[in-house]
């Protein structure tokens, strides 16, 4: 398991390492590696004591409301024209911004 750890210098010239919830530990050391090593030891103690991270599935009560709108423009006769205008506008913006794109389908 990998856990993110932030390491920062302190005003006393040492280093502070800090992990984030749900596995939290803070330690200081003379070097960055020493501070990280101390945090690793503290986190290892939490895991040995039985702390673990599990994923829980929670069923949704409703279907996604956005799905009801999906595809509502498929039969609109102006959709293809609108899409072509959007693509032309984007190409023009790219040209004005100096972005060189290959022509792709």
N, C-alpha and C. Protein backbone atom coordinates (compact mmCIF):
# COMPACT_ATOMS: atom_id res chain seq x y z
N UNK A 1 0.85 -1.17 0.00
CA UNK A 1 0.00 0.00 0.00
C UNK A 1 0.90 1.23 0.00
N UNK A 2 0.54 2.21 -0.79
CA UNK A 2 1.28 3.46 -0.81
C UNK A 2 0.42 4.56 -0.20
N UNK A 3 1.05 5.36 0.65
CA UNK A 3 0.35 6.44 1.34
C UNK A 3 1.13 7.72 1.09
N UNK A 4 0.47 8.79 0.66
CA UNK A 4 1.19 10.04 0.41
C UNK A 4 1.72 10.65 1.72
N UNK A 5 2.93 11.16 1.65
CA UNK A 5 3.56 11.79 2.81
C UNK A 5 4.15 13.12 2.34
N UNK A 6 3.78 14.20 3.02
CA UNK A 6 4.34 15.52 2.72
C UNK A 6 5.55 15.74 3.61
N UNK A 7 6.63 16.23 3.02
CA UNK A 7 7.85 16.51 3.77
C UNK A 7 8.19 17.97 3.58
N UNK A 8 8.46 18.67 4.70
CA UNK A 8 8.77 20.09 4.62
C UNK A 8 9.85 20.45 5.63
N UNK A 9 10.68 21.44 5.31
CA UNK A 9 11.68 21.89 6.27
C UNK A 9 11.00 22.69 7.38
N UNK A 10 11.57 22.63 8.56
CA UNK A 10 11.04 23.40 9.68
C UNK A 10 11.97 24.58 9.96
N UNK A 11 11.51 25.50 10.78
CA UNK A 11 12.34 26.68 11.09
C UNK A 11 13.58 26.29 11.91
N UNK A 12 13.53 25.15 12.56
CA UNK A 12 14.68 24.70 13.37
C UNK A 12 15.74 24.00 12.53
N UNK A 13 15.53 23.93 11.20
CA UNK A 13 16.51 23.30 10.33
C UNK A 13 16.30 21.81 10.17
N UNK A 14 15.24 21.28 10.76
CA UNK A 14 14.96 19.86 10.60
C UNK A 14 13.91 19.69 9.51
N UNK A 15 13.36 18.48 9.43
CA UNK A 15 12.31 18.19 8.45
C UNK A 15 11.12 17.56 9.15
N UNK A 16 9.94 17.93 8.69
CA UNK A 16 8.71 17.35 9.23
C UNK A 16 8.03 16.56 8.12
N UNK A 17 7.67 15.31 8.43
CA UNK A 17 6.93 14.46 7.49
C UNK A 17 5.55 14.24 8.06
N UNK A 18 4.54 14.31 7.19
CA UNK A 18 3.15 14.18 7.65
C UNK A 18 2.38 13.36 6.62
N UNK A 19 1.66 12.36 7.10
CA UNK A 19 0.77 11.60 6.23
C UNK A 19 -0.65 12.11 6.43
N UNK A 20 -1.56 11.66 5.60
CA UNK A 20 -2.91 12.19 5.58
C UNK A 20 -3.94 11.12 5.91
N UNK A 21 -5.12 11.53 6.37
CA UNK A 21 -6.16 10.57 6.72
C UNK A 21 -6.48 9.66 5.54
N UNK A 22 -6.82 8.45 5.83
CA UNK A 22 -7.17 7.87 7.12
C UNK A 22 -5.96 7.34 7.90
N UNK A 23 -4.78 7.32 7.30
CA UNK A 23 -3.58 6.89 8.01
C UNK A 23 -2.76 8.14 8.31
N UNK A 24 -2.78 8.58 9.57
CA UNK A 24 -2.12 9.84 9.90
C UNK A 24 -0.97 9.64 10.86
N UNK A 25 0.11 10.34 10.56
CA UNK A 25 1.28 10.34 11.43
C UNK A 25 2.08 11.59 11.11
N UNK A 26 2.78 12.10 12.12
CA UNK A 26 3.66 13.25 11.96
C UNK A 26 4.95 12.93 12.69
N UNK A 27 6.08 13.24 12.05
CA UNK A 27 7.37 13.00 12.69
C UNK A 27 8.37 14.02 12.17
N UNK A 28 9.38 14.28 13.00
CA UNK A 28 10.46 15.17 12.59
C UNK A 28 11.77 14.42 12.63
N UNK A 29 12.70 14.88 11.80
CA UNK A 29 14.03 14.26 11.77
C UNK A 29 15.05 15.27 11.29
N UNK A 30 16.32 14.91 11.47
CA UNK A 30 17.41 15.80 11.04
C UNK A 30 17.47 15.90 9.52
N UNK A 31 17.04 14.82 8.85
CA UNK A 31 17.01 14.80 7.39
C UNK A 31 15.59 14.45 6.93
N UNK A 32 15.35 14.68 5.68
CA UNK A 32 14.06 14.33 5.09
C UNK A 32 13.83 12.82 5.18
N UNK A 33 14.87 12.05 4.87
CA UNK A 33 14.75 10.58 4.92
C UNK A 33 14.46 10.09 6.33
N UNK A 34 15.07 10.72 7.33
CA UNK A 34 14.84 10.30 8.71
C UNK A 34 13.39 10.58 9.11
N UNK A 35 12.87 11.75 8.73
CA UNK A 35 11.48 12.08 9.05
C UNK A 35 10.52 11.11 8.38
N UNK A 36 10.77 10.78 7.12
CA UNK A 36 9.91 9.83 6.40
C UNK A 36 10.01 8.45 7.04
N UNK A 37 11.18 8.05 7.44
CA UNK A 37 11.35 6.74 8.08
C UNK A 37 10.55 6.65 9.38
N UNK A 38 10.55 7.74 10.14
CA UNK A 38 9.79 7.75 11.39
C UNK A 38 8.28 7.68 11.13
N UNK A 39 7.83 8.39 10.09
CA UNK A 39 6.40 8.32 9.73
C UNK A 39 6.06 6.91 9.29
N UNK A 40 6.94 6.29 8.51
CA UNK A 40 6.72 4.92 8.05
C UNK A 40 6.56 3.98 9.25
N UNK A 41 7.39 4.16 10.25
CA UNK A 41 7.31 3.31 11.45
C UNK A 41 5.97 3.51 12.16
N UNK A 42 5.52 4.75 12.28
CA UNK A 42 4.23 5.02 12.94
C UNK A 42 3.07 4.43 12.16
N UNK A 43 3.11 4.56 10.85
CA UNK A 43 2.05 4.00 10.02
C UNK A 43 2.05 2.47 10.09
N UNK A 44 3.23 1.89 10.15
CA UNK A 44 3.33 0.43 10.27
C UNK A 44 2.69 -0.04 11.58
N UNK A 45 2.86 0.74 12.64
CA UNK A 45 2.23 0.39 13.92
C UNK A 45 0.71 0.40 13.80
N UNK A 46 0.16 1.39 13.07
CA UNK A 46 -1.29 1.45 12.88
C UNK A 46 -1.80 0.22 12.13
N UNK A 47 -1.08 -0.17 11.10
CA UNK A 47 -1.49 -1.34 10.31
C UNK A 47 -1.37 -2.61 11.14
N UNK A 48 -0.29 -2.73 11.90
CA UNK A 48 -0.13 -3.92 12.76
C UNK A 48 -1.22 -3.99 13.82
N UNK A 49 -1.74 -2.83 14.25
CA UNK A 49 -2.79 -2.81 15.26
C UNK A 49 -4.16 -3.14 14.65
N UNK A 50 -4.20 -3.32 13.33
CA UNK A 50 -5.44 -3.74 12.70
C UNK A 50 -6.14 -2.70 11.86
N UNK A 51 -5.59 -1.52 11.77
CA UNK A 51 -6.22 -0.49 10.95
C UNK A 51 -6.10 -0.89 9.48
N UNK A 52 -7.21 -0.76 8.75
CA UNK A 52 -7.18 -1.08 7.33
C UNK A 52 -8.16 -0.18 6.58
N UNK A 53 -7.98 -0.14 5.31
CA UNK A 53 -8.81 0.68 4.44
C UNK A 53 -9.63 -0.25 3.56
N UNK A 54 -10.94 -0.10 3.61
CA UNK A 54 -11.82 -0.92 2.78
C UNK A 54 -12.70 -0.01 1.94
N UNK A 55 -13.14 -0.52 0.80
CA UNK A 55 -14.04 0.21 -0.07
C UNK A 55 -15.44 -0.36 0.13
N UNK A 56 -16.43 0.53 0.20
CA UNK A 56 -17.82 0.12 0.43
C UNK A 56 -18.65 0.63 -0.73
N UNK A 57 -19.43 -0.27 -1.34
CA UNK A 57 -20.36 0.12 -2.40
C UNK A 57 -21.67 0.54 -1.77
N UNK A 58 -22.14 1.70 -2.16
CA UNK A 58 -23.43 2.18 -1.67
C UNK A 58 -24.34 2.35 -2.89
N UNK A 59 -25.41 1.59 -2.95
CA UNK A 59 -26.28 1.70 -4.13
C UNK A 59 -26.99 3.06 -4.16
N UNK A 60 -27.13 3.58 -5.35
CA UNK A 60 -27.83 4.86 -5.52
C UNK A 60 -29.33 4.61 -5.51
N UNK A 61 -30.07 5.52 -4.89
CA UNK A 61 -31.52 5.39 -4.83
C UNK A 61 -32.16 5.68 -6.18
N UNK A 62 -31.54 6.56 -6.95
CA UNK A 62 -32.10 6.97 -8.23
C UNK A 62 -31.09 6.74 -9.33
N UNK A 63 -31.60 6.67 -10.53
CA UNK A 63 -30.69 6.64 -11.67
C UNK A 63 -30.12 8.03 -11.86
N UNK A 64 -29.03 8.10 -12.59
CA UNK A 64 -28.40 9.37 -12.86
C UNK A 64 -29.36 10.26 -13.64
N UNK A 65 -29.74 11.44 -13.12
CA UNK A 65 -30.71 12.29 -13.80
C UNK A 65 -30.21 12.80 -15.15
N UNK A 66 -28.90 12.85 -15.35
CA UNK A 66 -28.36 13.33 -16.62
C UNK A 66 -28.60 12.33 -17.73
N UNK A 67 -28.77 11.04 -17.39
CA UNK A 67 -28.99 10.04 -18.42
C UNK A 67 -30.31 10.25 -19.15
N UNK A 68 -31.29 10.84 -18.50
CA UNK A 68 -32.58 11.10 -19.14
C UNK A 68 -32.42 12.07 -20.31
N UNK A 69 -31.40 12.92 -20.26
CA UNK A 69 -31.18 13.91 -21.31
C UNK A 69 -30.24 13.41 -22.40
N UNK A 70 -29.56 12.31 -22.18
CA UNK A 70 -28.56 11.81 -23.13
C UNK A 70 -29.20 11.54 -24.48
N UNK A 71 -28.57 12.05 -25.51
CA UNK A 71 -29.02 11.80 -26.86
C UNK A 71 -30.21 12.63 -27.32
N UNK A 72 -30.59 13.64 -26.59
CA UNK A 72 -31.80 14.38 -26.94
C UNK A 72 -31.65 15.19 -28.22
N UNK A 73 -30.42 15.40 -28.68
CA UNK A 73 -30.22 16.15 -29.92
C UNK A 73 -30.01 15.24 -31.14
N UNK A 74 -30.06 13.93 -30.97
CA UNK A 74 -29.70 13.03 -32.07
C UNK A 74 -30.59 13.20 -33.30
N UNK A 75 -31.82 13.58 -33.14
CA UNK A 75 -32.72 13.75 -34.29
C UNK A 75 -32.93 15.21 -34.67
N UNK A 76 -32.20 16.11 -34.03
CA UNK A 76 -32.34 17.54 -34.33
C UNK A 76 -31.63 17.84 -35.65
N UNK A 77 -32.34 18.39 -36.65
CA UNK A 77 -31.71 18.64 -37.95
C UNK A 77 -30.61 19.70 -37.89
N UNK A 78 -30.59 20.53 -36.87
CA UNK A 78 -29.57 21.57 -36.76
C UNK A 78 -28.32 21.12 -36.00
N UNK A 79 -28.36 19.92 -35.44
CA UNK A 79 -27.24 19.46 -34.62
C UNK A 79 -25.94 19.39 -35.42
N UNK A 80 -25.96 18.77 -36.61
CA UNK A 80 -24.74 18.64 -37.41
C UNK A 80 -24.19 20.00 -37.82
N UNK A 81 -25.09 20.93 -38.15
CA UNK A 81 -24.67 22.27 -38.51
C UNK A 81 -24.03 22.98 -37.31
N UNK A 82 -24.65 22.84 -36.15
CA UNK A 82 -24.13 23.44 -34.92
C UNK A 82 -22.74 22.88 -34.61
N UNK A 83 -22.62 21.55 -34.73
CA UNK A 83 -21.34 20.90 -34.42
C UNK A 83 -20.24 21.38 -35.37
N UNK A 84 -20.56 21.52 -36.66
CA UNK A 84 -19.58 22.00 -37.63
C UNK A 84 -19.14 23.42 -37.30
N UNK A 85 -20.07 24.26 -36.87
CA UNK A 85 -19.73 25.64 -36.49
C UNK A 85 -18.83 25.68 -35.26
N UNK A 86 -19.12 24.82 -34.30
CA UNK A 86 -18.28 24.75 -33.09
C UNK A 86 -16.87 24.32 -33.47
N UNK A 87 -16.74 23.31 -34.33
CA UNK A 87 -15.41 22.84 -34.75
C UNK A 87 -14.66 23.93 -35.53
N UNK A 88 -15.37 24.66 -36.39
CA UNK A 88 -14.73 25.74 -37.14
C UNK A 88 -14.25 26.85 -36.20
N UNK A 89 -15.08 27.17 -35.21
CA UNK A 89 -14.70 28.19 -34.23
C UNK A 89 -13.47 27.75 -33.44
N UNK A 90 -13.44 26.49 -33.03
CA UNK A 90 -12.30 25.98 -32.27
C UNK A 90 -11.03 26.03 -33.11
N UNK A 91 -11.13 25.66 -34.40
CA UNK A 91 -9.97 25.73 -35.29
C UNK A 91 -9.47 27.18 -35.39
N UNK A 92 -10.39 28.13 -35.54
CA UNK A 92 -10.02 29.53 -35.64
C UNK A 92 -9.34 30.02 -34.35
N UNK A 93 -9.87 29.61 -33.20
CA UNK A 93 -9.26 29.98 -31.91
C UNK A 93 -7.85 29.41 -31.81
N UNK A 94 -7.66 28.17 -32.27
CA UNK A 94 -6.34 27.54 -32.23
C UNK A 94 -5.36 28.28 -33.13
N UNK A 95 -5.82 28.68 -34.32
CA UNK A 95 -4.96 29.43 -35.24
C UNK A 95 -4.55 30.75 -34.61
N UNK A 96 -5.50 31.47 -34.03
CA UNK A 96 -5.21 32.76 -33.41
C UNK A 96 -4.29 32.61 -32.20
N UNK A 97 -4.37 31.47 -31.51
CA UNK A 97 -3.51 31.23 -30.35
C UNK A 97 -2.17 30.65 -30.75
N UNK A 98 -1.98 30.36 -32.04
CA UNK A 98 -0.72 29.81 -32.51
C UNK A 98 -0.56 28.34 -32.22
N UNK A 99 -1.67 27.66 -32.02
CA UNK A 99 -1.61 26.23 -31.76
C UNK A 99 -1.67 25.50 -33.08
N UNK A 100 -0.65 24.67 -33.33
CA UNK A 100 -0.56 23.95 -34.59
C UNK A 100 -1.05 22.52 -34.37
N UNK A 101 -2.21 22.21 -34.92
CA UNK A 101 -2.78 20.87 -34.77
C UNK A 101 -2.84 20.20 -36.12
N UNK A 102 -2.60 18.89 -36.12
CA UNK A 102 -2.78 18.12 -37.34
C UNK A 102 -4.26 18.02 -37.64
N UNK A 103 -4.62 17.97 -38.90
CA UNK A 103 -6.02 17.74 -39.28
C UNK A 103 -6.35 16.30 -38.97
N UNK A 104 -7.34 16.10 -38.13
CA UNK A 104 -7.76 14.75 -37.76
C UNK A 104 -9.25 14.64 -37.97
N UNK A 105 -9.67 13.45 -38.29
CA UNK A 105 -11.11 13.21 -38.50
C UNK A 105 -11.78 12.96 -37.20
